[in-house]
Amino acid sequence: YRFGTDEYLDHPYFSKETAVFLAKMGISIIAVDFMNVDSTKLEQWQ
């Protein structure tokens, strides 16, 4: 709903531990309704 606004950039994001948790379950694709699985504000690629 915030797409196209500055608010959209400050979205929820995954911790490294959560990414590991999901990957270990053998999923094929992760999809999100925000800009980035990592933090766009912090630019920390985990």
All heavy atoms as atom14 arrays in JSON, in Angstrom:
{
  "sequence": "YRFGTDEYLDHPYFSKETAVFLAKMGISIIAVDFMNVDSTKLEQWQ",
  "atom14_mask": [
    [1, 1, 1, 1, 1, 1, 1, 1, 1, 1, 1, 1, 0, 0],
    [1, 1, 1, 1, 1, 1, 1, 1, 1, 1, 1, 0, 0, 0],
    [1, 1, 1, 1, 1, 1, 1, 1, 1, 1, 1, 0, 0, 0],
    [1, 1, 1, 1, 0, 0, 0, 0, 0, 0, 0, 0, 0, 0],
    [1, 1, 1, 1, 1, 1, 1, 0, 0, 0, 0, 0, 0, 0],
    [1, 1, 1, 1, 1, 1, 1, 1, 0, 0, 0, 0, 0, 0],
    [1, 1, 1, 1, 1, 1, 1, 1, 1, 0, 0, 0, 0, 0],
    [1, 1, 1, 1, 1, 1, 1, 1, 1, 1, 1, 1, 0, 0],
    [1, 1, 1, 1, 1, 1, 1, 1, 0, 0, 0, 0, 0, 0],
    [1, 1, 1, 1, 1, 1, 1, 1, 0, 0, 0, 0, 0, 0],
    [1, 1, 1, 1, 1, 1, 1, 1, 1, 1, 0, 0, 0, 0],
    [1, 1, 1, 1, 1, 1, 1, 0, 0, 0, 0, 0, 0, 0],
    [1, 1, 1, 1, 1, 1, 1, 1, 1, 1, 1, 1, 0, 0],
    [1, 1, 1, 1, 1, 1, 1, 1, 1, 1, 1, 0, 0, 0],
    [1, 1, 1, 1, 1, 1, 0, 0, 0, 0, 0, 0, 0, 0],
    [1, 1, 1, 1, 1, 1, 1, 1, 1, 0, 0, 0, 0, 0],
    [1, 1, 1, 1, 1, 1, 1, 1, 1, 0, 0, 0, 0, 0],
    [1, 1, 1, 1, 1, 1, 1, 0, 0, 0, 0, 0, 0, 0],
    [1, 1, 1, 1, 1, 0, 0, 0, 0, 0, 0, 0, 0, 0],
    [1, 1, 1, 1, 1, 1, 1, 0, 0, 0, 0, 0, 0, 0],
    [1, 1, 1, 1, 1, 1, 1, 1, 1, 1, 1, 0, 0, 0],
    [1, 1, 1, 1, 1, 1, 1, 1, 0, 0, 0, 0, 0, 0],
    [1, 1, 1, 1, 1, 0, 0, 0, 0, 0, 0, 0, 0, 0],
    [1, 1, 1, 1, 1, 1, 1, 1, 1, 0, 0, 0, 0, 0],
    [1, 1, 1, 1, 1, 1, 1, 1, 0, 0, 0, 0, 0, 0],
    [1, 1, 1, 1, 0, 0, 0, 0, 0, 0, 0, 0, 0, 0],
    [1, 1, 1, 1, 1, 1, 1, 1, 0, 0, 0, 0, 0, 0],
    [1, 1, 1, 1, 1, 1, 0, 0, 0, 0, 0, 0, 0, 0],
    [1, 1, 1, 1, 1, 1, 1, 1, 0, 0, 0, 0, 0, 0],
    [1, 1, 1, 1, 1, 1, 1, 1, 0, 0, 0, 0, 0, 0],
    [1, 1, 1, 1, 1, 0, 0, 0, 0, 0, 0, 0, 0, 0],
    [1, 1, 1, 1, 1, 1, 1, 0, 0, 0, 0, 0, 0, 0],
    [1, 1, 1, 1, 1, 1, 1, 1, 0, 0, 0, 0, 0, 0],
    [1, 1, 1, 1, 1, 1, 1, 1, 1, 1, 1, 0, 0, 0],
    [1, 1, 1, 1, 1, 1, 1, 1, 0, 0, 0, 0, 0, 0],
    [1, 1, 1, 1, 1, 1, 1, 1, 0, 0, 0, 0, 0, 0],
    [1, 1, 1, 1, 1, 1, 1, 0, 0, 0, 0, 0, 0, 0],
    [1, 1, 1, 1, 1, 1, 1, 1, 0, 0, 0, 0, 0, 0],
    [1, 1, 1, 1, 1, 1, 0, 0, 0, 0, 0, 0, 0, 0],
    [1, 1, 1, 1, 1, 1, 1, 0, 0, 0, 0, 0, 0, 0],
    [1, 1, 1, 1, 1, 1, 1, 1, 1, 0, 0, 0, 0, 0],
    [1, 1, 1, 1, 1, 1, 1, 1, 0, 0, 0, 0, 0, 0],
    [1, 1, 1, 1, 1, 1, 1, 1, 1, 0, 0, 0, 0, 0],
    [1, 1, 1, 1, 1, 1, 1, 1, 1, 0, 0, 0, 0, 0],
    [1, 1, 1, 1, 1, 1, 1, 1, 1, 1, 1, 1, 1, 1],
    [1, 1, 1, 1, 1, 1, 1, 1, 1, 0, 0, 0, 0, 0]
  ],
  "atom14_positions": [
    [[0.82, -1.21, 0.0], [0.0, 0.0, 0.0], [0.86, 1.26, 0.0], [0.4, 2.34, -0.41], [-0.91, 0.01, 1.23], [-2.24, -0.68, 1.03], [-2.58, -1.79, 1.8], [-3.14, -0.24, 0.07], [-3.8, -2.43, 1.63], [-4.36, -0.88, -0.1], [-4.68, -1.97, 0.67], [-5.89, -2.6, 0.49], [0.0, 0.0, 0.0], [0.0, 0.0, 0.0]],
    [[2.09, 1.15, 0.47], [2.98, 2.31, 0.56], [3.87, 2.47, -0.67], [4.7, 3.36, -0.73], [3.86, 2.19, 1.81], [3.06, 2.14, 3.12], [3.95, 1.7, 4.27], [3.28, 1.77, 5.57], [2.51, 0.82, 6.08], [2.29, -0.3, 5.39], [1.95, 0.96, 7.26], [0.0, 0.0, 0.0], [0.0, 0.0, 0.0], [0.0, 0.0, 0.0]],
    [[3.72, 1.57, -1.64], [4.55, 1.61, -2.85], [4.46, 2.98, -3.51], [3.38, 3.52, -3.7], [4.1, 0.52, -3.83], [5.01, 0.35, -5.01], [6.19, -0.35, -4.9], [4.66, 0.88, -6.25], [7.04, -0.53, -5.99], [5.49, 0.71, -7.35], [6.68, 0.0, -7.22], [0.0, 0.0, 0.0], [0.0, 0.0, 0.0], [0.0, 0.0, 0.0]],
    [[5.62, 3.55, -3.83], [5.67, 4.88, -4.44], [5.86, 6.01, -3.44], [5.96, 7.15, -3.84], [0.0, 0.0, 0.0], [0.0, 0.0, 0.0], [0.0, 0.0, 0.0], [0.0, 0.0, 0.0], [0.0, 0.0, 0.0], [0.0, 0.0, 0.0], [0.0, 0.0, 0.0], [0.0, 0.0, 0.0], [0.0, 0.0, 0.0], [0.0, 0.0, 0.0]],
    [[5.92, 5.68, -2.15], [6.12, 6.7, -1.11], [7.43, 6.44, -0.37], [7.99, 5.34, -0.42], [4.97, 6.67, -0.08], [5.08, 5.49, 0.74], [3.61, 6.68, -0.79], [0.0, 0.0, 0.0], [0.0, 0.0, 0.0], [0.0, 0.0, 0.0], [0.0, 0.0, 0.0], [0.0, 0.0, 0.0], [0.0, 0.0, 0.0], [0.0, 0.0, 0.0]],
    [[7.91, 7.43, 0.37], [9.12, 7.27, 1.16], [8.95, 6.2, 2.24], [9.92, 5.54, 2.63], [9.53, 8.6, 1.81], [10.06, 9.61, 0.8], [10.44, 9.19, -0.31], [10.09, 10.81, 1.12], [0.0, 0.0, 0.0], [0.0, 0.0, 0.0], [0.0, 0.0, 0.0], [0.0, 0.0, 0.0], [0.0, 0.0, 0.0], [0.0, 0.0, 0.0]],
    [[7.73, 6.04, 2.73], [7.45, 5.03, 3.77], [7.79, 3.63, 3.29], [8.15, 2.76, 4.09], [5.97, 5.08, 4.16], [5.54, 6.26, 4.98], [4.05, 6.15, 5.29], [3.23, 6.61, 4.48], [3.71, 5.58, 6.34], [0.0, 0.0, 0.0], [0.0, 0.0, 0.0], [0.0, 0.0, 0.0], [0.0, 0.0, 0.0], [0.0, 0.0, 0.0]],
    [[7.66, 3.41, 2.0], [7.88, 2.08, 1.45], [9.32, 1.6, 1.68], [9.57, 0.39, 1.75], [7.56, 2.08, -0.05], [7.48, 0.71, -0.68], [6.44, -0.17, -0.37], [8.43, 0.3, -1.6], [6.36, -1.42, -0.96], [8.36, -0.96, -2.19], [7.32, -1.81, -1.87], [7.25, -3.05, -2.45], [0.0, 0.0, 0.0], [0.0, 0.0, 0.0]],
    [[10.25, 2.54, 1.8], [11.66, 2.19, 1.97], [11.97, 1.67, 3.37], [13.0, 1.01, 3.57], [12.54, 3.41, 1.68], [12.42, 4.03, 0.28], [13.25, 5.3, 0.2], [12.87, 3.03, -0.78], [0.0, 0.0, 0.0], [0.0, 0.0, 0.0], [0.0, 0.0, 0.0], [0.0, 0.0, 0.0], [0.0, 0.0, 0.0], [0.0, 0.0, 0.0]],
    [[11.11, 1.95, 4.34], [11.36, 1.55, 5.73], [10.48, 0.35, 6.08], [9.65, 0.4, 6.97], [11.09, 2.72, 6.67], [11.66, 2.49, 8.06], [12.52, 1.61, 8.22], [11.24, 3.2, 8.99], [0.0, 0.0, 0.0], [0.0, 0.0, 0.0], [0.0, 0.0, 0.0], [0.0, 0.0, 0.0], [0.0, 0.0, 0.0], [0.0, 0.0, 0.0]],
    [[10.69, -0.72, 5.39], [9.84, -1.91, 5.47], [10.4, -2.93, 6.47], [11.56, -2.84, 6.89], [9.77, -2.56, 4.08], [11.14, -2.78, 3.48], [11.98, -3.81, 3.86], [11.83, -2.06, 2.57], [13.11, -3.74, 3.2], [13.06, -2.68, 2.41], [0.0, 0.0, 0.0], [0.0, 0.0, 0.0], [0.0, 0.0, 0.0], [0.0, 0.0, 0.0]],
    [[9.6, -3.92, 6.84], [10.15, -5.05, 7.6], [11.19, -5.79, 6.77], [11.21, -5.67, 5.53], [8.92, -5.94, 7.86], [7.74, -5.03, 7.66], [8.15, -4.04, 6.62], [0.0, 0.0, 0.0], [0.0, 0.0, 0.0], [0.0, 0.0, 0.0], [0.0, 0.0, 0.0], [0.0, 0.0, 0.0], [0.0, 0.0, 0.0], [0.0, 0.0, 0.0]],
    [[12.03, -6.58, 7.42], [13.07, -7.33, 6.7], [13.48, -8.54, 7.52], [13.21, -8.63, 8.72], [14.27, -6.43, 6.39], [15.0, -5.89, 7.6], [16.12, -6.55, 8.11], [14.56, -4.73, 8.25], [16.79, -6.06, 9.22], [15.23, -4.24, 9.36], [16.33, -4.91, 9.84], [16.98, -4.44, 10.95], [0.0, 0.0, 0.0], [0.0, 0.0, 0.0]],
    [[14.17, -9.47, 6.88], [14.56, -10.72, 7.51], [15.89, -10.6, 8.26], [16.84, -9.98, 7.76], [14.73, -11.83, 6.46], [13.46, -12.25, 5.8], [13.08, -11.69, 4.58], [12.64, -13.21, 6.37], [11.92, -12.08, 3.96], [11.48, -13.6, 5.75], [11.11, -13.04, 4.55], [0.0, 0.0, 0.0], [0.0, 0.0, 0.0], [0.0, 0.0, 0.0]],
    [[15.95, -11.24, 9.41], [17.25, -11.46, 10.03], [17.96, -12.59, 9.29], [17.33, -13.39, 8.58], [17.09, -11.84, 11.51], [16.51, -13.13, 11.62], [0.0, 0.0, 0.0], [0.0, 0.0, 0.0], [0.0, 0.0, 0.0], [0.0, 0.0, 0.0], [0.0, 0.0, 0.0], [0.0, 0.0, 0.0], [0.0, 0.0, 0.0], [0.0, 0.0, 0.0]],
    [[19.27, -12.67, 9.45], [20.03, -13.77, 8.85], [19.51, -15.1, 9.38], [19.37, -16.09, 8.61], [21.51, -13.62, 9.17], [22.37, -14.71, 8.56], [23.85, -14.49, 8.85], [24.71, -15.59, 8.25], [26.16, -15.38, 8.51], [0.0, 0.0, 0.0], [0.0, 0.0, 0.0], [0.0, 0.0, 0.0], [0.0, 0.0, 0.0], [0.0, 0.0, 0.0]],
    [[19.2, -15.16, 10.66], [18.73, -16.4, 11.28], [17.41, -16.87, 10.66], [17.18, -18.07, 10.49], [18.56, -16.2, 12.79], [19.85, -15.98, 13.55], [20.44, -14.59, 13.36], [19.7, -13.67, 12.94], [21.65, -14.43, 13.63], [0.0, 0.0, 0.0], [0.0, 0.0, 0.0], [0.0, 0.0, 0.0], [0.0, 0.0, 0.0], [0.0, 0.0, 0.0]],
    [[16.55, -15.91, 10.31], [15.27, -16.27, 9.71], [15.47, -16.81, 8.3], [14.82, -17.78, 7.89], [14.32, -15.06, 9.68], [14.25, -14.49, 10.98], [12.93, -15.48, 9.24], [0.0, 0.0, 0.0], [0.0, 0.0, 0.0], [0.0, 0.0, 0.0], [0.0, 0.0, 0.0], [0.0, 0.0, 0.0], [0.0, 0.0, 0.0], [0.0, 0.0, 0.0]],
    [[16.39, -16.2, 7.56], [16.7, -16.7, 6.22], [17.25, -18.12, 6.29], [16.86, -18.99, 5.5], [17.69, -15.77, 5.54], [0.0, 0.0, 0.0], [0.0, 0.0, 0.0], [0.0, 0.0, 0.0], [0.0, 0.0, 0.0], [0.0, 0.0, 0.0], [0.0, 0.0, 0.0], [0.0, 0.0, 0.0], [0.0, 0.0, 0.0], [0.0, 0.0, 0.0]],
    [[18.12, -18.38, 7.25], [18.66, -19.73, 7.45], [17.54, -20.7, 7.81], [17.47, -21.82, 7.29], [19.76, -19.73, 8.53], [20.15, -21.14, 8.92], [20.99, -18.93, 8.07], [0.0, 0.0, 0.0], [0.0, 0.0, 0.0], [0.0, 0.0, 0.0], [0.0, 0.0, 0.0], [0.0, 0.0, 0.0], [0.0, 0.0, 0.0], [0.0, 0.0, 0.0]],
    [[16.66, -20.28, 8.71], [15.54, -21.09, 9.16], [14.68, -21.54, 7.97], [14.33, -22.72, 7.84], [14.71, -20.27, 10.15], [13.56, -20.99, 10.78], [13.75, -21.89, 11.81], [12.26, -20.74, 10.35], [12.67, -22.55, 12.4], [11.18, -21.38, 10.93], [11.39, -22.3, 11.96], [0.0, 0.0, 0.0], [0.0, 0.0, 0.0], [0.0, 0.0, 0.0]],
    [[14.35, -20.61, 7.08], [13.52, -20.92, 5.91], [14.28, -21.76, 4.89], [13.74, -22.71, 4.33], [13.02, -19.63, 5.27], [11.88, -18.92, 6.0], [11.75, -17.47, 5.55], [10.56, -19.66, 5.8], [0.0, 0.0, 0.0], [0.0, 0.0, 0.0], [0.0, 0.0, 0.0], [0.0, 0.0, 0.0], [0.0, 0.0, 0.0], [0.0, 0.0, 0.0]],
    [[15.54, -21.41, 4.65], [16.33, -22.16, 3.67], [16.49, -23.62, 4.09], [16.45, -24.53, 3.25], [17.7, -21.5, 3.49], [0.0, 0.0, 0.0], [0.0, 0.0, 0.0], [0.0, 0.0, 0.0], [0.0, 0.0, 0.0], [0.0, 0.0, 0.0], [0.0, 0.0, 0.0], [0.0, 0.0, 0.0], [0.0, 0.0, 0.0], [0.0, 0.0, 0.0]],
    [[16.66, -23.86, 5.38], [16.82, -25.23, 5.87], [15.56, -26.07, 5.69], [15.63, -27.3, 5.67], [17.23, -25.22, 7.35], [18.71, -24.88, 7.57], [19.09, -24.98, 9.04], [20.59, -24.76, 9.23], [20.97, -24.83, 10.68], [0.0, 0.0, 0.0], [0.0, 0.0, 0.0], [0.0, 0.0, 0.0], [0.0, 0.0, 0.0], [0.0, 0.0, 0.0]],
    [[14.42, -25.41, 5.55], [13.18, -26.14, 5.3], [13.03, -26.54, 3.84], [12.07, -27.22, 3.46], [11.98, -25.31, 5.76], [11.78, -25.36, 7.25], [10.19, -24.65, 7.77], [10.63, -22.92, 7.8], [0.0, 0.0, 0.0], [0.0, 0.0, 0.0], [0.0, 0.0, 0.0], [0.0, 0.0, 0.0], [0.0, 0.0, 0.0], [0.0, 0.0, 0.0]],
    [[13.98, -26.1, 3.01], [13.98, -26.53, 1.62], [13.01, -25.81, 0.72], [12.58, -26.35, -0.31], [0.0, 0.0, 0.0], [0.0, 0.0, 0.0], [0.0, 0.0, 0.0], [0.0, 0.0, 0.0], [0.0, 0.0, 0.0], [0.0, 0.0, 0.0], [0.0, 0.0, 0.0], [0.0, 0.0, 0.0], [0.0, 0.0, 0.0], [0.0, 0.0, 0.0]],
    [[12.65, -24.56, 1.08], [11.73, -23.82, 0.22], [12.43, -23.47, -1.1], [13.66, -23.44, -1.19], [11.18, -22.56, 0.91], [12.28, -21.49, 1.11], [10.51, -22.91, 2.22], [11.75, -20.15, 1.58], [0.0, 0.0, 0.0], [0.0, 0.0, 0.0], [0.0, 0.0, 0.0], [0.0, 0.0, 0.0], [0.0, 0.0, 0.0], [0.0, 0.0, 0.0]],
    [[11.63, -23.2, -2.12], [12.16, -22.93, -3.45], [12.22, -21.44, -3.76], [13.17, -20.96, -4.38], [11.31, -23.63, -4.5], [11.83, -23.45, -5.79], [0.0, 0.0, 0.0], [0.0, 0.0, 0.0], [0.0, 0.0, 0.0], [0.0, 0.0, 0.0], [0.0, 0.0, 0.0], [0.0, 0.0, 0.0], [0.0, 0.0, 0.0], [0.0, 0.0, 0.0]],
    [[11.18, -20.7, -3.34], [11.1, -19.25, -3.57], [10.55, -18.58, -2.33], [9.59, -19.07, -1.72], [10.23, -18.92, -4.8], [10.93, -19.36, -6.1], [9.91, -17.42, -4.86], [10.15, -19.04, -7.37], [0.0, 0.0, 0.0], [0.0, 0.0, 0.0], [0.0, 0.0, 0.0], [0.0, 0.0, 0.0], [0.0, 0.0, 0.0], [0.0, 0.0, 0.0]],
    [[11.13, -17.45, -1.96], [10.58, -16.57, -0.93], [10.09, -15.3, -1.62], [10.82, -14.71, -2.43], [11.62, -16.25, 0.17], [11.0, -15.39, 1.29], [12.87, -15.6, -0.39], [10.04, -16.13, 2.18], [0.0, 0.0, 0.0], [0.0, 0.0, 0.0], [0.0, 0.0, 0.0], [0.0, 0.0, 0.0], [0.0, 0.0, 0.0], [0.0, 0.0, 0.0]],
    [[8.86, -14.89, -1.34], [8.28, -13.71, -1.98], [7.8, -12.74, -0.9], [7.24, -13.17, 0.12], [7.11, -14.11, -2.88], [0.0, 0.0, 0.0], [0.0, 0.0, 0.0], [0.0, 0.0, 0.0], [0.0, 0.0, 0.0], [0.0, 0.0, 0.0], [0.0, 0.0, 0.0], [0.0, 0.0, 0.0], [0.0, 0.0, 0.0], [0.0, 0.0, 0.0]],
    [[8.02, -11.45, -1.12], [7.64, -10.44, -0.13], [6.9, -9.29, -0.81], [7.15, -8.97, -1.96], [8.88, -9.89, 0.62], [9.57, -11.0, 1.41], [9.88, -9.23, -0.33], [0.0, 0.0, 0.0], [0.0, 0.0, 0.0], [0.0, 0.0, 0.0], [0.0, 0.0, 0.0], [0.0, 0.0, 0.0], [0.0, 0.0, 0.0], [0.0, 0.0, 0.0]],
    [[6.0, -8.67, -0.04], [5.22, -7.55, -0.58], [5.84, -6.21, -0.19], [5.14, -5.22, 0.01], [3.75, -7.64, -0.15], [3.54, -7.59, 1.35], [4.56, -7.54, 2.11], [2.37, -7.59, 1.79], [0.0, 0.0, 0.0], [0.0, 0.0, 0.0], [0.0, 0.0, 0.0], [0.0, 0.0, 0.0], [0.0, 0.0, 0.0], [0.0, 0.0, 0.0]],
    [[7.16, -6.19, -0.09], [7.92, -4.96, 0.16], [9.17, -4.97, -0.7], [9.37, -5.89, -1.51], [8.23, -4.78, 1.65], [8.64, -6.03, 2.39], [9.97, -6.43, 2.44], [7.69, -6.81, 3.05], [10.35, -7.57, 3.13], [8.06, -7.95, 3.76], [9.4, -8.33, 3.79], [0.0, 0.0, 0.0], [0.0, 0.0, 0.0], [0.0, 0.0, 0.0]],
    [[10.03, -3.98, -0.56], [11.09, -3.75, -1.53], [12.24, -4.73, -1.48], [12.88, -5.0, -2.51], [11.63, -2.31, -1.37], [12.78, -1.96, -2.31], [13.13, -0.21, -2.39], [11.9, 0.33, -3.57], [0.0, 0.0, 0.0], [0.0, 0.0, 0.0], [0.0, 0.0, 0.0], [0.0, 0.0, 0.0], [0.0, 0.0, 0.0], [0.0, 0.0, 0.0]],
    [[12.54, -5.32, -0.32], [13.84, -5.93, -0.14], [13.78, -6.92, 1.02], [13.26, -6.59, 2.08], [14.84, -4.79, 0.17], [16.28, -5.19, 0.2], [16.62, -6.37, 0.09], [17.14, -4.21, 0.35], [0.0, 0.0, 0.0], [0.0, 0.0, 0.0], [0.0, 0.0, 0.0], [0.0, 0.0, 0.0], [0.0, 0.0, 0.0], [0.0, 0.0, 0.0]],
    [[14.32, -8.13, 0.84], [14.35, -9.07, 1.97], [15.33, -8.61, 3.05], [15.23, -9.02, 4.21], [14.7, -10.5, 1.52], [13.58, -11.07, 0.65], [16.05, -10.58, 0.82], [0.0, 0.0, 0.0], [0.0, 0.0, 0.0], [0.0, 0.0, 0.0], [0.0, 0.0, 0.0], [0.0, 0.0, 0.0], [0.0, 0.0, 0.0], [0.0, 0.0, 0.0]],
    [[16.28, -7.75, 2.67], [17.15, -7.08, 3.64], [16.64, -5.66, 3.88], [15.73, -5.19, 3.18], [18.59, -7.03, 3.1], [19.27, -8.39, 3.18], [19.49, -8.87, 4.29], [19.59, -8.95, 2.1], [0.0, 0.0, 0.0], [0.0, 0.0, 0.0], [0.0, 0.0, 0.0], [0.0, 0.0, 0.0], [0.0, 0.0, 0.0], [0.0, 0.0, 0.0]],
    [[17.23, -4.98, 4.84], [16.81, -3.61, 5.14], [17.32, -2.65, 4.06], [18.51, -2.58, 3.8], [17.36, -3.18, 6.49], [17.15, -1.79, 6.69], [0.0, 0.0, 0.0], [0.0, 0.0, 0.0], [0.0, 0.0, 0.0], [0.0, 0.0, 0.0], [0.0, 0.0, 0.0], [0.0, 0.0, 0.0], [0.0, 0.0, 0.0], [0.0, 0.0, 0.0]],
    [[16.4, -1.94, 3.43], [16.79, -0.93, 2.45], [17.42, 0.27, 3.14], [18.35, 0.88, 2.61], [15.56, -0.5, 1.62], [15.06, -1.64, 0.92], [15.92, 0.59, 0.62], [0.0, 0.0, 0.0], [0.0, 0.0, 0.0], [0.0, 0.0, 0.0], [0.0, 0.0, 0.0], [0.0, 0.0, 0.0], [0.0, 0.0, 0.0], [0.0, 0.0, 0.0]],
    [[16.96, 0.59, 4.32], [17.49, 1.74, 5.06], [18.93, 1.48, 5.53], [19.8, 2.35, 5.43], [16.6, 2.04, 6.27], [15.27, 2.67, 5.93], [15.42, 4.15, 5.64], [14.07, 4.85, 5.55], [14.21, 6.3, 5.29], [0.0, 0.0, 0.0], [0.0, 0.0, 0.0], [0.0, 0.0, 0.0], [0.0, 0.0, 0.0], [0.0, 0.0, 0.0]],
    [[19.19, 0.28, 6.05], [20.49, -0.03, 6.65], [21.51, -0.52, 5.63], [22.71, -0.44, 5.87], [20.33, -1.07, 7.76], [19.45, -0.68, 8.94], [19.33, -1.85, 9.92], [20.0, 0.56, 9.65], [0.0, 0.0, 0.0], [0.0, 0.0, 0.0], [0.0, 0.0, 0.0], [0.0, 0.0, 0.0], [0.0, 0.0, 0.0], [0.0, 0.0, 0.0]],
    [[21.02, -1.06, 4.5], [21.89, -1.64, 3.47], [22.87, -2.65, 4.08], [24.07, -2.63, 3.81], [22.63, -0.55, 2.7], [21.74, 0.28, 1.81], [22.51, 1.15, 0.83], [23.6, 1.62, 1.2], [22.04, 1.31, -0.3], [0.0, 0.0, 0.0], [0.0, 0.0, 0.0], [0.0, 0.0, 0.0], [0.0, 0.0, 0.0], [0.0, 0.0, 0.0]],
    [[22.33, -3.54, 4.9], [23.11, -4.65, 5.46], [22.61, -5.93, 4.81], [21.46, -6.32, 4.99], [22.95, -4.71, 6.98], [23.53, -3.5, 7.71], [23.28, -3.54, 9.2], [22.47, -4.33, 9.68], [23.95, -2.68, 9.94], [0.0, 0.0, 0.0], [0.0, 0.0, 0.0], [0.0, 0.0, 0.0], [0.0, 0.0, 0.0], [0.0, 0.0, 0.0]],
    [[23.48, -6.57, 4.04], [23.06, -7.69, 3.21], [23.28, -9.01, 3.94], [24.35, -9.59, 3.9], [23.82, -7.65, 1.88], [23.73, -6.31, 1.23], [24.73, -5.4, 1.07], [22.56, -5.69, 0.7], [24.27, -4.27, 0.47], [22.93, -4.41, 0.23], [21.22, -6.08, 0.58], [22.04, -3.53, -0.36], [20.32, -5.22, -0.01], [20.73, -3.96, -0.47]],
    [[22.24, -9.47, 4.62], [22.33, -10.72, 5.38], [21.43, -11.81, 4.81], [21.84, -12.97, 4.71], [21.95, -10.46, 6.84], [22.84, -9.42, 7.53], [22.5, -9.27, 9.0], [22.55, -10.24, 9.75], [22.15, -8.07, 9.41], [0.0, 0.0, 0.0], [0.0, 0.0, 0.0], [0.0, 0.0, 0.0], [0.0, 0.0, 0.0], [0.0, 0.0, 0.0]]
  ]
}
